[in-house]
Amino acid sequence: VQLVESGGGLVQPGGSLRLSCAASGFTLRTYRMSWHRQALGKERELVADISSAGGTTYYGDSVKGRFTMSRDNGKNMVYLQMNSLKPEDTAVYYCKAELILGPRQYWGQGTQVTVSS
């Protein structure tokens, strides 16, 4: 079982990045997926999540209107499109999978996003 994030990097304020999370070793469509982030010295926070079929999404207040989460169960992929990035979006971003019926959950290793001029 593995979740591997990619797409992080350094971007200027106002720029965009697209994070990807590749899932393997389990059936993605039976898991609710979410993105979390943790800035230096702060607690990890929920950024966005998406239902198993992709029909329902939730966004934290700080990213609403700027970030869009999506998934492709056929490709075992989850995405986070981040637009209008701000310095306060700087953090390590993590992908998480939670089994719909049961306590099982998995985390990726994280990808660094730095927003700076």
C-alpha atoms as a PDB file:
ATOM      1  CA  VAL A   1       0.000   0.000   0.000  1.00  0.00           C
ATOM      2  CA  GLN A   2       1.430   3.325  -1.041  1.00  0.00           C
ATOM      3  CA  LEU A   3       0.467   6.957  -1.533  1.00  0.00           C
ATOM      4  CA  VAL A   4       3.028   9.067  -3.358  1.00  0.00           C
ATOM      5  CA  GLU A   5       2.622  12.815  -3.678  1.00  0.00           C
ATOM      6  CA  SER A   6       4.305  14.889  -6.370  1.00  0.00           C
ATOM      7  CA  GLY A   7       4.097  18.317  -7.961  1.00  0.00           C
ATOM      8  CA  GLY A   8       5.335  20.466  -5.107  1.00  0.00           C
ATOM      9  CA  GLY A   9       7.991  23.136  -5.522  1.00  0.00           C
ATOM     10  CA  LEU A  10       8.789  26.817  -5.329  1.00  0.00           C
ATOM     11  CA  VAL A  11       6.284  29.258  -6.836  1.00  0.00           C
ATOM     12  CA  GLN A  12       5.799  33.012  -6.683  1.00  0.00           C
ATOM     13  CA  PRO A  13       2.774  34.532  -4.967  1.00  0.00           C
ATOM     14  CA  GLY A  14      -0.198  34.450  -7.305  1.00  0.00           C
ATOM     15  CA  GLY A  15       1.126  31.407  -9.106  1.00  0.00           C
ATOM     16  CA  SER A  16      -0.305  27.909  -9.478  1.00  0.00           C
ATOM     17  CA  LEU A  17       0.725  24.351  -8.766  1.00  0.00           C
ATOM     18  CA  ARG A  18      -0.962  21.020  -9.303  1.00  0.00           C
ATOM     19  CA  LEU A  19      -0.272  18.316  -6.749  1.00  0.00           C
ATOM     20  CA  SER A  20      -0.787  14.671  -7.607  1.00  0.00           C
ATOM     21  CA  CYS A  21      -1.211  11.655  -5.349  1.00  0.00           C
ATOM     22  CA  ALA A  22      -0.636   8.233  -6.857  1.00  0.00           C
ATOM     23  CA  ALA A  23      -2.283   5.351  -4.987  1.00  0.00           C
ATOM     24  CA  SER A  24      -1.260   1.719  -5.219  1.00  0.00           C
ATOM     25  CA  GLY A  25      -1.964  -1.496  -3.365  1.00  0.00           C
ATOM     26  CA  PHE A  26      -5.617  -0.799  -2.581  1.00  0.00           C
ATOM     27  CA  THR A  27      -8.927  -0.046  -4.311  1.00  0.00           C
ATOM     28  CA  LEU A  28      -9.081   3.733  -4.446  1.00  0.00           C
ATOM     29  CA  ARG A  29     -12.842   3.961  -5.050  1.00  0.00           C
ATOM     30  CA  THR A  30     -13.543   2.500  -1.594  1.00  0.00           C
ATOM     31  CA  TYR A  31     -11.649   5.306   0.134  1.00  0.00           C
ATOM     32  CA  ARG A  32     -12.460   8.899   0.892  1.00  0.00           C
ATOM     33  CA  MET A  33      -9.435  10.991  -0.017  1.00  0.00           C
ATOM     34  CA  SER A  34      -8.148  14.226   1.456  1.00  0.00           C
ATOM     35  CA  TRP A  35      -5.267  16.664   1.313  1.00  0.00           C
ATOM     36  CA  HIS A  36      -3.717  18.040   4.481  1.00  0.00           C
ATOM     37  CA  ARG A  37      -0.867  20.430   5.057  1.00  0.00           C
ATOM     38  CA  GLN A  38       1.547  21.226   7.834  1.00  0.00           C
ATOM     39  CA  ALA A  39       3.497  24.459   8.015  1.00  0.00           C
ATOM     40  CA  LEU A  40       6.662  24.726  10.063  1.00  0.00           C
ATOM     41  CA  GLY A  41       5.785  24.978  13.744  1.00  0.00           C
ATOM     42  CA  LYS A  42       2.081  24.471  13.167  1.00  0.00           C
ATOM     43  CA  GLU A  43      -0.329  21.582  13.451  1.00  0.00           C
ATOM     44  CA  ARG A  44      -1.405  19.604  10.431  1.00  0.00           C
ATOM     45  CA  GLU A  45      -4.661  20.913   8.975  1.00  0.00           C
ATOM     46  CA  LEU A  46      -7.261  19.612   6.547  1.00  0.00           C
ATOM     47  CA  VAL A  47      -7.131  21.441   3.218  1.00  0.00           C
ATOM     48  CA  ALA A  48      -9.727  19.547   1.180  1.00  0.00           C
ATOM     49  CA  ASP A  49     -11.439  16.209   0.901  1.00  0.00           C
ATOM     50  CA  ILE A  50     -13.492  14.383  -1.682  1.00  0.00           C
ATOM     51  CA  SER A  51     -16.037  11.585  -1.550  1.00  0.00           C
ATOM     52  CA  SER A  52     -15.297   8.152  -2.953  1.00  0.00           C
ATOM     53  CA  ALA A  53     -16.962   8.825  -6.305  1.00  0.00           C
ATOM     54  CA  GLY A  54     -15.848  12.435  -6.456  1.00  0.00           C
ATOM     55  CA  GLY A  55     -19.301  13.935  -6.209  1.00  0.00           C
ATOM     56  CA  THR A  56     -18.802  15.850  -2.976  1.00  0.00           C
ATOM     57  CA  THR A  57     -15.895  18.053  -1.974  1.00  0.00           C
ATOM     58  CA  TYR A  58     -15.043  20.087   1.100  1.00  0.00           C
ATOM     59  CA  TYR A  59     -12.531  22.922   1.356  1.00  0.00           C
ATOM     60  CA  GLY A  60     -11.037  24.703   4.294  1.00  0.00           C
ATOM     61  CA  ASP A  61     -11.937  28.372   4.570  1.00  0.00           C
ATOM     62  CA  SER A  62      -8.375  29.464   3.853  1.00  0.00           C
ATOM     63  CA  VAL A  63      -8.307  27.775   0.415  1.00  0.00           C
ATOM     64  CA  LYS A  64     -11.944  27.968  -0.675  1.00  0.00           C
ATOM     65  CA  GLY A  65     -12.256  29.461  -4.136  1.00  0.00           C
ATOM     66  CA  ARG A  66      -8.552  28.971  -4.901  1.00  0.00           C
ATOM     67  CA  PHE A  67      -7.982  25.198  -4.614  1.00  0.00           C
ATOM     68  CA  THR A  68      -9.797  22.414  -6.427  1.00  0.00           C
ATOM     69  CA  MET A  69      -9.572  18.751  -5.488  1.00  0.00           C
ATOM     70  CA  SER A  70     -10.378  15.968  -7.941  1.00  0.00           C
ATOM     71  CA  ARG A  71      -9.863  12.248  -8.367  1.00  0.00           C
ATOM     72  CA  ASP A  72      -9.634   9.664 -11.116  1.00  0.00           C
ATOM     73  CA  ASN A  73     -10.442   6.254  -9.653  1.00  0.00           C
ATOM     74  CA  GLY A  74      -9.655   4.539 -12.932  1.00  0.00           C
ATOM     75  CA  LYS A  75      -6.105   5.882 -12.825  1.00  0.00           C
ATOM     76  CA  ASN A  76      -5.751   5.602  -9.033  1.00  0.00           C
ATOM     77  CA  MET A  77      -4.924   9.297  -8.870  1.00  0.00           C
ATOM     78  CA  VAL A  78      -5.974  12.242  -6.725  1.00  0.00           C
ATOM     79  CA  TYR A  79      -5.187  15.862  -7.542  1.00  0.00           C
ATOM     80  CA  LEU A  80      -5.095  19.262  -5.901  1.00  0.00           C
ATOM     81  CA  GLN A  81      -5.093  22.256  -8.229  1.00  0.00           C
ATOM     82  CA  MET A  82      -3.832  25.287  -6.334  1.00  0.00           C
ATOM     83  CA  ASN A  83      -4.310  28.747  -7.821  1.00  0.00           C
ATOM     84  CA  SER A  84      -3.646  32.255  -6.529  1.00  0.00           C
ATOM     85  CA  LEU A  85      -1.086  30.892  -4.128  1.00  0.00           C
ATOM     86  CA  LYS A  86      -0.108  32.947  -1.103  1.00  0.00           C
ATOM     87  CA  PRO A  87       2.981  32.814   1.137  1.00  0.00           C
ATOM     88  CA  GLU A  88       0.768  31.404   3.898  1.00  0.00           C
ATOM     89  CA  ASP A  89       0.105  28.356   1.712  1.00  0.00           C
ATOM     90  CA  THR A  90       3.725  27.317   2.271  1.00  0.00           C
ATOM     91  CA  ALA A  91       3.698  23.882   3.909  1.00  0.00           C
ATOM     92  CA  VAL A  92       4.272  20.201   3.384  1.00  0.00           C
ATOM     93  CA  TYR A  93       1.188  18.789   1.686  1.00  0.00           C
ATOM     94  CA  TYR A  94       0.045  15.253   2.473  1.00  0.00           C
ATOM     95  CA  CYS A  95      -2.388  12.927   0.773  1.00  0.00           C
ATOM     96  CA  LYS A  96      -4.588  10.726   3.001  1.00  0.00           C
ATOM     97  CA  ALA A  97      -6.855   7.778   2.258  1.00  0.00           C
ATOM     98  CA  GLU A  98      -9.624   6.685   4.649  1.00  0.00           C
ATOM     99  CA  LEU A  99     -11.586   3.499   4.111  1.00  0.00           C
ATOM    100  CA  ILE A 100     -15.298   4.294   3.817  1.00  0.00           C
ATOM    101  CA  LEU A 101     -16.377   1.298   5.894  1.00  0.00           C
ATOM    102  CA  GLY A 102     -13.720   0.747   8.505  1.00  0.00           C
ATOM    103  CA  PRO A 103     -10.860   2.366  10.422  1.00  0.00           C
ATOM    104  CA  ARG A 104      -8.118   1.792   7.861  1.00  0.00           C
ATOM    105  CA  GLN A 105      -6.218   4.873   6.698  1.00  0.00           C
ATOM    106  CA  TYR A 106      -2.991   5.663   4.877  1.00  0.00           C
ATOM    107  CA  TRP A 107      -0.787   8.734   4.535  1.00  0.00           C
ATOM    108  CA  GLY A 108       1.683   9.747   1.882  1.00  0.00           C
ATOM    109  CA  GLN A 109       5.151  11.021   2.630  1.00  0.00           C
ATOM    110  CA  GLY A 110       4.347  14.628   1.716  1.00  0.00           C
ATOM    111  CA  THR A 111       5.507  17.151  -0.862  1.00  0.00           C
ATOM    112  CA  GLN A 112       6.890  20.600  -0.058  1.00  0.00           C
ATOM    113  CA  VAL A 113       5.138  23.677  -1.421  1.00  0.00           C
ATOM    114  CA  THR A 114       6.911  27.007  -0.972  1.00  0.00           C
ATOM    115  CA  VAL A 115       5.303  30.265  -2.038  1.00  0.00           C
ATOM    116  CA  SER A 116       7.832  33.067  -2.081  1.00  0.00           C
ATOM    117  CA  SER A 117       9.098  35.879  -4.265  1.00  0.00           C
END
